[in-house]
């Protein structure tokens, strides 16, 4: 699903395999390295993506899938965990993707399939833990600090 190299203490550069799903590959990498607190950023190309938008009035996510070739102009996010599942990374990723006409779409990333390449940098907050809890007021999984 990926190749990686540790380029500095607890900082990794990943190259995801073509046609894999980004969140699935990133989650597998975080499990392999036991990363439950950190940040990620990257770029690449995708052919299908589902983005989410939280409607604050209903506290419900609205999902929209785009099935077209797009360039990832920015992928940024954080890695934490939910206390009820401490061995599964919780990925909170936002993405902006450029279309053929140079317009952009984006939002909270639910899933995206690579078509070309995807290069990520993951920084592990070594030996730290970042847990989340569900906040009913906002409808979000927030940091428990």
N, C-alpha and C. Protein backbone atom coordinates (compact mmCIF):
# COMPACT_ATOMS: atom_id res chain seq x y z
N UNK A 1 0.81 -1.20 0.00
CA UNK A 1 0.00 0.00 0.00
C UNK A 1 0.86 1.27 0.00
N UNK A 2 2.09 1.16 0.50
CA UNK A 2 2.94 2.34 0.61
C UNK A 2 4.39 1.94 0.77
N UNK A 3 5.24 2.91 0.49
CA UNK A 3 6.66 2.82 0.82
C UNK A 3 6.94 4.03 1.71
N UNK A 4 7.93 3.90 2.58
CA UNK A 4 8.23 5.04 3.45
C UNK A 4 9.70 5.08 3.81
N UNK A 5 10.10 6.25 4.27
CA UNK A 5 11.47 6.44 4.76
C UNK A 5 11.38 7.39 5.95
N UNK A 6 12.09 7.04 7.01
CA UNK A 6 12.20 7.95 8.16
C UNK A 6 13.28 8.96 7.81
N UNK A 7 12.92 10.23 7.71
CA UNK A 7 13.85 11.26 7.26
C UNK A 7 14.42 12.08 8.41
N UNK A 8 13.81 11.98 9.56
CA UNK A 8 14.28 12.63 10.79
C UNK A 8 13.63 11.84 11.92
N UNK A 9 14.05 12.11 13.13
CA UNK A 9 13.45 11.38 14.25
C UNK A 9 11.93 11.54 14.23
N UNK A 10 11.24 10.41 14.04
CA UNK A 10 9.78 10.34 14.11
C UNK A 10 9.09 11.17 13.02
N UNK A 11 9.77 11.41 11.92
CA UNK A 11 9.18 12.08 10.76
C UNK A 11 9.39 11.17 9.55
N UNK A 12 8.29 10.87 8.86
CA UNK A 12 8.31 9.90 7.77
C UNK A 12 7.80 10.54 6.49
N UNK A 13 8.41 10.16 5.38
CA UNK A 13 7.91 10.50 4.05
C UNK A 13 7.32 9.22 3.47
N UNK A 14 6.08 9.31 3.02
CA UNK A 14 5.39 8.15 2.45
C UNK A 14 5.07 8.39 0.99
N UNK A 15 5.19 7.34 0.21
CA UNK A 15 4.71 7.33 -1.16
C UNK A 15 3.67 6.23 -1.23
N UNK A 16 2.42 6.61 -1.42
CA UNK A 16 1.35 5.62 -1.47
C UNK A 16 1.29 4.98 -2.85
N UNK A 17 0.96 3.71 -2.88
CA UNK A 17 0.84 3.00 -4.15
C UNK A 17 -0.33 3.54 -4.96
N UNK A 18 -0.18 3.51 -6.28
CA UNK A 18 -1.23 3.96 -7.16
C UNK A 18 -2.50 3.13 -6.95
N UNK A 19 -3.64 3.79 -7.00
CA UNK A 19 -4.98 3.20 -6.92
C UNK A 19 -5.40 2.79 -5.52
N UNK A 20 -4.59 3.04 -4.48
CA UNK A 20 -5.04 2.71 -3.13
C UNK A 20 -5.89 3.85 -2.59
N UNK A 21 -6.61 3.57 -1.54
CA UNK A 21 -7.43 4.58 -0.88
C UNK A 21 -6.56 5.25 0.18
N UNK A 22 -6.54 6.57 0.20
CA UNK A 22 -5.60 7.33 1.03
C UNK A 22 -5.79 7.05 2.52
N UNK A 23 -7.00 7.18 3.03
CA UNK A 23 -7.21 7.01 4.48
C UNK A 23 -6.90 5.59 4.93
N UNK A 24 -7.23 4.61 4.10
CA UNK A 24 -6.93 3.22 4.43
C UNK A 24 -5.42 3.00 4.54
N UNK A 25 -4.68 3.49 3.56
CA UNK A 25 -3.22 3.32 3.58
C UNK A 25 -2.59 4.07 4.74
N UNK A 26 -3.04 5.30 4.98
CA UNK A 26 -2.48 6.09 6.07
C UNK A 26 -2.81 5.45 7.42
N UNK A 27 -4.00 4.94 7.57
CA UNK A 27 -4.37 4.27 8.82
C UNK A 27 -3.50 3.04 9.05
N UNK A 28 -3.26 2.26 8.01
CA UNK A 28 -2.40 1.08 8.13
C UNK A 28 -0.98 1.46 8.52
N UNK A 29 -0.45 2.54 7.92
CA UNK A 29 0.88 3.00 8.27
C UNK A 29 0.93 3.40 9.75
N UNK A 30 -0.07 4.17 10.20
CA UNK A 30 -0.09 4.60 11.60
C UNK A 30 -0.19 3.42 12.55
N UNK A 31 -0.95 2.40 12.18
CA UNK A 31 -1.02 1.19 13.01
C UNK A 31 0.34 0.50 13.07
N UNK A 32 0.98 0.38 11.90
CA UNK A 32 2.29 -0.28 11.84
C UNK A 32 3.30 0.43 12.73
N UNK A 33 3.30 1.74 12.71
CA UNK A 33 4.27 2.54 13.47
C UNK A 33 3.76 2.93 14.85
N UNK A 34 2.52 2.52 15.18
CA UNK A 34 1.88 2.85 16.46
C UNK A 34 1.86 4.36 16.68
N UNK A 35 1.40 5.08 15.68
CA UNK A 35 1.27 6.54 15.75
C UNK A 35 -0.18 6.86 16.13
N UNK A 36 -0.35 7.45 17.31
CA UNK A 36 -1.68 7.82 17.79
C UNK A 36 -1.74 9.30 18.16
N UNK A 37 -0.69 10.03 17.77
CA UNK A 37 -0.65 11.48 17.96
C UNK A 37 0.34 12.01 16.93
N UNK A 38 -0.12 12.91 16.06
CA UNK A 38 0.77 13.44 15.05
C UNK A 38 0.04 14.30 14.05
N UNK A 39 0.77 14.67 13.00
CA UNK A 39 0.21 15.48 11.93
C UNK A 39 0.62 14.87 10.59
N UNK A 40 -0.15 15.21 9.57
CA UNK A 40 0.12 14.72 8.21
C UNK A 40 -0.16 15.85 7.23
N UNK A 41 0.65 15.90 6.16
CA UNK A 41 0.35 16.79 5.05
C UNK A 41 0.84 16.13 3.77
N UNK A 42 0.30 16.58 2.64
CA UNK A 42 0.70 15.95 1.40
C UNK A 42 0.04 16.54 0.18
N UNK A 43 0.33 15.86 -0.95
CA UNK A 43 -0.20 16.25 -2.25
C UNK A 43 -0.24 15.02 -3.13
N UNK A 44 -0.83 15.16 -4.30
CA UNK A 44 -0.91 14.01 -5.19
C UNK A 44 -2.00 14.17 -6.22
N UNK A 45 -2.51 13.04 -6.71
CA UNK A 45 -3.56 13.03 -7.73
C UNK A 45 -4.56 11.93 -7.39
N UNK A 46 -5.84 12.23 -7.59
CA UNK A 46 -6.91 11.29 -7.27
C UNK A 46 -7.92 11.25 -8.42
N UNK A 47 -8.66 10.14 -8.49
CA UNK A 47 -9.69 10.02 -9.52
C UNK A 47 -11.09 9.94 -8.93
N UNK A 48 -11.17 9.79 -7.63
CA UNK A 48 -12.46 9.76 -6.96
C UNK A 48 -12.25 10.15 -5.51
N UNK A 49 -13.16 10.96 -4.99
CA UNK A 49 -13.05 11.38 -3.60
C UNK A 49 -14.43 11.67 -3.03
N UNK A 50 -14.59 11.36 -1.76
CA UNK A 50 -15.80 11.73 -1.04
C UNK A 50 -15.40 12.67 0.07
N UNK A 51 -15.98 13.87 0.02
CA UNK A 51 -15.73 14.90 1.02
C UNK A 51 -16.97 15.03 1.90
N UNK A 52 -16.73 15.54 3.11
CA UNK A 52 -17.82 15.74 4.06
C UNK A 52 -17.88 17.21 4.45
N UNK A 53 -19.07 17.64 4.75
CA UNK A 53 -19.29 18.99 5.26
C UNK A 53 -20.24 18.85 6.44
N UNK A 54 -19.86 19.39 7.59
CA UNK A 54 -20.73 19.31 8.76
C UNK A 54 -21.70 20.47 8.75
N UNK A 55 -22.98 20.15 8.73
CA UNK A 55 -24.02 21.17 8.82
C UNK A 55 -24.20 21.47 10.31
N UNK A 56 -23.79 22.67 10.77
CA UNK A 56 -23.86 22.95 12.21
C UNK A 56 -25.29 22.99 12.75
N UNK A 57 -26.26 23.27 11.90
CA UNK A 57 -27.65 23.33 12.37
C UNK A 57 -28.17 21.94 12.72
N UNK A 58 -27.82 20.95 11.91
CA UNK A 58 -28.32 19.59 12.15
C UNK A 58 -27.30 18.69 12.84
N UNK A 59 -26.04 19.15 12.88
CA UNK A 59 -24.93 18.36 13.42
C UNK A 59 -24.78 17.04 12.66
N UNK A 60 -25.11 17.08 11.38
CA UNK A 60 -25.00 15.91 10.51
C UNK A 60 -24.03 16.23 9.38
N UNK A 61 -23.26 15.22 8.99
CA UNK A 61 -22.36 15.38 7.85
C UNK A 61 -23.15 15.19 6.55
N UNK A 62 -22.81 16.01 5.58
CA UNK A 62 -23.33 15.87 4.23
C UNK A 62 -22.15 15.44 3.37
N UNK A 63 -22.27 14.29 2.73
CA UNK A 63 -21.19 13.74 1.91
C UNK A 63 -21.45 13.99 0.44
N UNK A 64 -20.38 14.24 -0.30
CA UNK A 64 -20.48 14.40 -1.74
C UNK A 64 -19.28 13.72 -2.37
N UNK A 65 -19.55 12.90 -3.39
CA UNK A 65 -18.50 12.17 -4.11
C UNK A 65 -18.24 12.83 -5.45
N UNK A 66 -16.97 12.99 -5.77
CA UNK A 66 -16.53 13.53 -7.05
C UNK A 66 -15.76 12.43 -7.76
N UNK A 67 -16.21 12.07 -8.96
CA UNK A 67 -15.56 11.02 -9.75
C UNK A 67 -14.94 11.66 -10.99
N UNK A 68 -13.75 12.17 -10.82
CA UNK A 68 -13.03 12.82 -11.90
C UNK A 68 -11.57 12.94 -11.49
N UNK A 69 -10.70 13.10 -12.46
CA UNK A 69 -9.28 13.27 -12.16
C UNK A 69 -9.06 14.65 -11.53
N UNK A 70 -8.39 14.69 -10.39
CA UNK A 70 -8.11 15.95 -9.70
C UNK A 70 -6.70 15.89 -9.10
N UNK A 71 -6.12 17.06 -8.94
CA UNK A 71 -4.83 17.20 -8.27
C UNK A 71 -5.08 17.59 -6.81
N UNK A 72 -4.43 16.91 -5.89
CA UNK A 72 -4.51 17.32 -4.48
C UNK A 72 -3.58 18.52 -4.33
N UNK A 73 -4.16 19.69 -4.12
CA UNK A 73 -3.34 20.88 -3.93
C UNK A 73 -2.95 21.06 -2.47
N UNK A 74 -3.72 20.44 -1.58
CA UNK A 74 -3.36 20.46 -0.16
C UNK A 74 -4.10 19.35 0.56
N UNK A 75 -3.37 18.61 1.34
CA UNK A 75 -3.93 17.62 2.25
C UNK A 75 -3.26 17.88 3.58
N UNK A 76 -4.06 18.14 4.59
CA UNK A 76 -3.51 18.42 5.91
C UNK A 76 -4.42 17.82 6.97
N UNK A 77 -3.82 17.37 8.05
CA UNK A 77 -4.65 16.79 9.08
C UNK A 77 -3.86 16.39 10.31
N UNK A 78 -4.58 15.74 11.22
CA UNK A 78 -3.95 15.28 12.44
C UNK A 78 -4.35 13.85 12.73
N UNK A 79 -3.56 13.26 13.61
CA UNK A 79 -3.74 11.86 13.98
C UNK A 79 -3.92 11.81 15.50
N UNK A 80 -4.95 11.12 15.92
CA UNK A 80 -5.20 10.96 17.36
C UNK A 80 -5.88 9.61 17.54
N UNK A 81 -6.62 9.46 18.63
CA UNK A 81 -7.36 8.21 18.86
C UNK A 81 -8.60 8.51 19.67
N UNK A 82 -9.56 7.61 19.53
CA UNK A 82 -10.75 7.70 20.37
C UNK A 82 -10.55 6.71 21.52
N UNK A 83 -10.84 7.12 22.75
CA UNK A 83 -10.58 6.26 23.91
C UNK A 83 -11.26 4.90 23.84
N UNK A 84 -12.41 4.81 23.16
CA UNK A 84 -13.10 3.52 23.07
C UNK A 84 -12.42 2.56 22.08
N UNK A 85 -11.43 3.06 21.33
CA UNK A 85 -10.71 2.22 20.37
C UNK A 85 -9.25 2.69 20.32
N UNK A 86 -8.48 2.46 21.40
CA UNK A 86 -7.14 3.06 21.52
C UNK A 86 -6.09 2.53 20.56
N UNK A 87 -6.39 1.45 19.83
CA UNK A 87 -5.39 0.89 18.91
C UNK A 87 -5.73 1.17 17.44
N UNK A 88 -6.69 2.05 17.22
CA UNK A 88 -7.03 2.46 15.87
C UNK A 88 -6.81 3.96 15.74
N UNK A 89 -5.96 4.37 14.81
CA UNK A 89 -5.73 5.81 14.62
C UNK A 89 -7.03 6.50 14.19
N UNK A 90 -7.24 7.68 14.73
CA UNK A 90 -8.36 8.52 14.32
C UNK A 90 -7.78 9.61 13.43
N UNK A 91 -8.12 9.57 12.15
CA UNK A 91 -7.60 10.52 11.18
C UNK A 91 -8.60 11.65 10.98
N UNK A 92 -8.12 12.87 11.11
CA UNK A 92 -8.94 14.06 10.83
C UNK A 92 -8.20 14.82 9.74
N UNK A 93 -8.69 14.63 8.50
CA UNK A 93 -7.97 15.15 7.34
C UNK A 93 -8.88 16.05 6.52
N UNK A 94 -8.32 17.17 6.10
CA UNK A 94 -9.00 18.07 5.16
C UNK A 94 -8.19 18.09 3.87
N UNK A 95 -8.89 18.32 2.77
CA UNK A 95 -8.25 18.25 1.47
C UNK A 95 -8.86 19.29 0.54
N UNK A 96 -8.01 19.84 -0.31
CA UNK A 96 -8.45 20.69 -1.41
C UNK A 96 -7.92 20.05 -2.69
N UNK A 97 -8.80 19.92 -3.69
CA UNK A 97 -8.41 19.29 -4.94
C UNK A 97 -8.80 20.19 -6.11
N UNK A 98 -7.89 20.28 -7.07
CA UNK A 98 -8.07 21.12 -8.25
C UNK A 98 -8.60 20.28 -9.40
N UNK A 99 -9.64 20.81 -10.05
CA UNK A 99 -10.24 20.14 -11.19
C UNK A 99 -9.57 20.57 -12.49
N UNK A 100 -9.96 19.93 -13.58
CA UNK A 100 -9.40 20.21 -14.90
C UNK A 100 -9.58 21.68 -15.30
N UNK A 101 -10.68 22.30 -14.86
CA UNK A 101 -10.94 23.71 -15.20
C UNK A 101 -10.30 24.67 -14.19
N UNK A 102 -9.47 24.17 -13.30
CA UNK A 102 -8.73 24.91 -12.28
C UNK A 102 -9.61 25.41 -11.13
N UNK A 103 -10.85 24.99 -11.09
CA UNK A 103 -11.66 25.26 -9.90
C UNK A 103 -11.28 24.23 -8.85
N UNK A 104 -11.63 24.50 -7.62
CA UNK A 104 -11.26 23.60 -6.52
C UNK A 104 -12.48 23.16 -5.75
N UNK A 105 -12.40 21.96 -5.21
CA UNK A 105 -13.40 21.42 -4.30
C UNK A 105 -12.64 20.90 -3.09
N UNK A 106 -13.33 20.78 -1.99
CA UNK A 106 -12.63 20.27 -0.82
C UNK A 106 -13.52 20.14 0.37
N UNK A 107 -12.94 19.69 1.45
CA UNK A 107 -13.65 19.52 2.70
C UNK A 107 -12.95 18.48 3.55
N UNK A 108 -13.69 17.96 4.49
CA UNK A 108 -13.21 16.88 5.34
C UNK A 108 -13.14 15.63 4.48
N UNK A 109 -12.01 14.95 4.47
CA UNK A 109 -11.82 13.79 3.61
C UNK A 109 -12.42 12.54 4.25
N UNK A 110 -13.35 11.93 3.56
CA UNK A 110 -13.88 10.64 3.98
C UNK A 110 -13.09 9.52 3.30
N UNK A 111 -12.89 9.65 1.97
CA UNK A 111 -12.07 8.68 1.24
C UNK A 111 -11.68 9.28 -0.11
N UNK A 112 -10.55 8.80 -0.63
CA UNK A 112 -10.09 9.23 -1.96
C UNK A 112 -9.21 8.14 -2.54
N UNK A 113 -9.40 7.88 -3.82
CA UNK A 113 -8.61 6.87 -4.53
C UNK A 113 -7.54 7.56 -5.37
N UNK A 114 -6.31 7.12 -5.18
CA UNK A 114 -5.17 7.70 -5.89
C UNK A 114 -5.21 7.27 -7.36
N UNK A 115 -4.90 8.22 -8.23
CA UNK A 115 -4.71 7.92 -9.64
C UNK A 115 -3.51 8.73 -10.11
N UNK A 116 -2.36 8.17 -9.93
CA UNK A 116 -1.10 8.84 -10.22
C UNK A 116 -0.15 8.62 -9.06
N UNK A 117 -0.14 9.56 -8.15
CA UNK A 117 0.77 9.48 -7.01
C UNK A 117 0.16 10.19 -5.82
N UNK A 118 0.67 9.85 -4.64
CA UNK A 118 0.32 10.57 -3.43
C UNK A 118 1.52 10.51 -2.50
N UNK A 119 2.01 11.68 -2.12
CA UNK A 119 3.18 11.79 -1.26
C UNK A 119 2.79 12.51 0.02
N UNK A 120 3.08 11.88 1.14
CA UNK A 120 2.69 12.40 2.44
C UNK A 120 3.90 12.55 3.35
N UNK A 121 3.81 13.48 4.27
CA UNK A 121 4.77 13.60 5.36
C UNK A 121 3.98 13.41 6.65
N UNK A 122 4.44 12.46 7.46
CA UNK A 122 3.79 12.18 8.74
C UNK A 122 4.79 12.48 9.84
N UNK A 123 4.39 13.32 10.77
CA UNK A 123 5.22 13.60 11.94
C UNK A 123 4.55 12.96 13.15
N UNK A 124 5.27 12.06 13.78
CA UNK A 124 4.80 11.33 14.95
C UNK A 124 5.16 12.13 16.19
N UNK A 125 4.14 12.46 17.01
CA UNK A 125 4.42 13.11 18.30
C UNK A 125 4.78 12.00 19.28
N UNK A 126 5.96 11.49 19.12
CA UNK A 126 6.44 10.30 19.80
C UNK A 126 6.11 10.30 21.28
N UNK A 127 5.60 9.17 21.74
CA UNK A 127 5.22 8.90 23.13
C UNK A 127 4.12 9.80 23.66
N UNK A 128 3.52 10.60 22.81
CA UNK A 128 2.37 11.42 23.22
C UNK A 128 1.09 10.67 22.85
N UNK A 129 0.02 10.99 23.55
CA UNK A 129 -1.29 10.49 23.17
C UNK A 129 -2.22 11.68 23.04
N UNK A 130 -3.03 11.65 22.04
CA UNK A 130 -4.07 12.65 21.84
C UNK A 130 -5.38 11.89 21.71
N UNK A 131 -6.21 12.00 22.73
CA UNK A 131 -7.50 11.34 22.72
C UNK A 131 -8.59 12.32 22.30
N UNK A 132 -9.72 11.77 21.89
CA UNK A 132 -10.87 12.56 21.48
C UNK A 132 -12.10 12.12 22.27
N UNK A 133 -13.07 13.00 22.29
CA UNK A 133 -14.37 12.69 22.88
C UNK A 133 -15.43 13.32 21.99
N UNK A 134 -16.62 12.76 22.02
CA UNK A 134 -17.72 13.32 21.24
C UNK A 134 -18.37 14.44 22.03
N UNK A 135 -18.45 15.61 21.41
CA UNK A 135 -19.08 16.78 22.01
C UNK A 135 -20.48 16.95 21.41
N UNK A 136 -21.53 16.67 22.18
CA UNK A 136 -22.88 16.75 21.63
C UNK A 136 -23.29 18.17 21.23
N UNK A 137 -22.69 19.18 21.84
CA UNK A 137 -23.03 20.57 21.51
C UNK A 137 -22.64 20.93 20.07
N UNK A 138 -21.47 20.45 19.63
CA UNK A 138 -21.01 20.76 18.28
C UNK A 138 -21.24 19.62 17.30
N UNK A 139 -21.39 18.40 17.82
CA UNK A 139 -21.52 17.23 16.96
C UNK A 139 -20.17 16.73 16.46
N UNK A 140 -19.09 17.17 17.10
CA UNK A 140 -17.74 16.84 16.65
C UNK A 140 -16.99 15.98 17.66
N UNK A 141 -16.00 15.24 17.16
CA UNK A 141 -15.06 14.54 18.02
C UNK A 141 -13.90 15.50 18.28
N UNK A 142 -13.84 16.04 19.47
CA UNK A 142 -12.86 17.07 19.82
C UNK A 142 -11.71 16.48 20.64
N UNK A 143 -10.58 17.20 20.63
CA UNK A 143 -9.46 16.79 21.48
C UNK A 143 -9.88 16.81 22.94
N UNK A 144 -9.45 15.79 23.66
CA UNK A 144 -9.62 15.76 25.11
C UNK A 144 -8.26 16.14 25.69
N UNK A 145 -8.10 17.40 26.04
CA UNK A 145 -6.80 17.90 26.51
C UNK A 145 -6.81 18.15 28.00
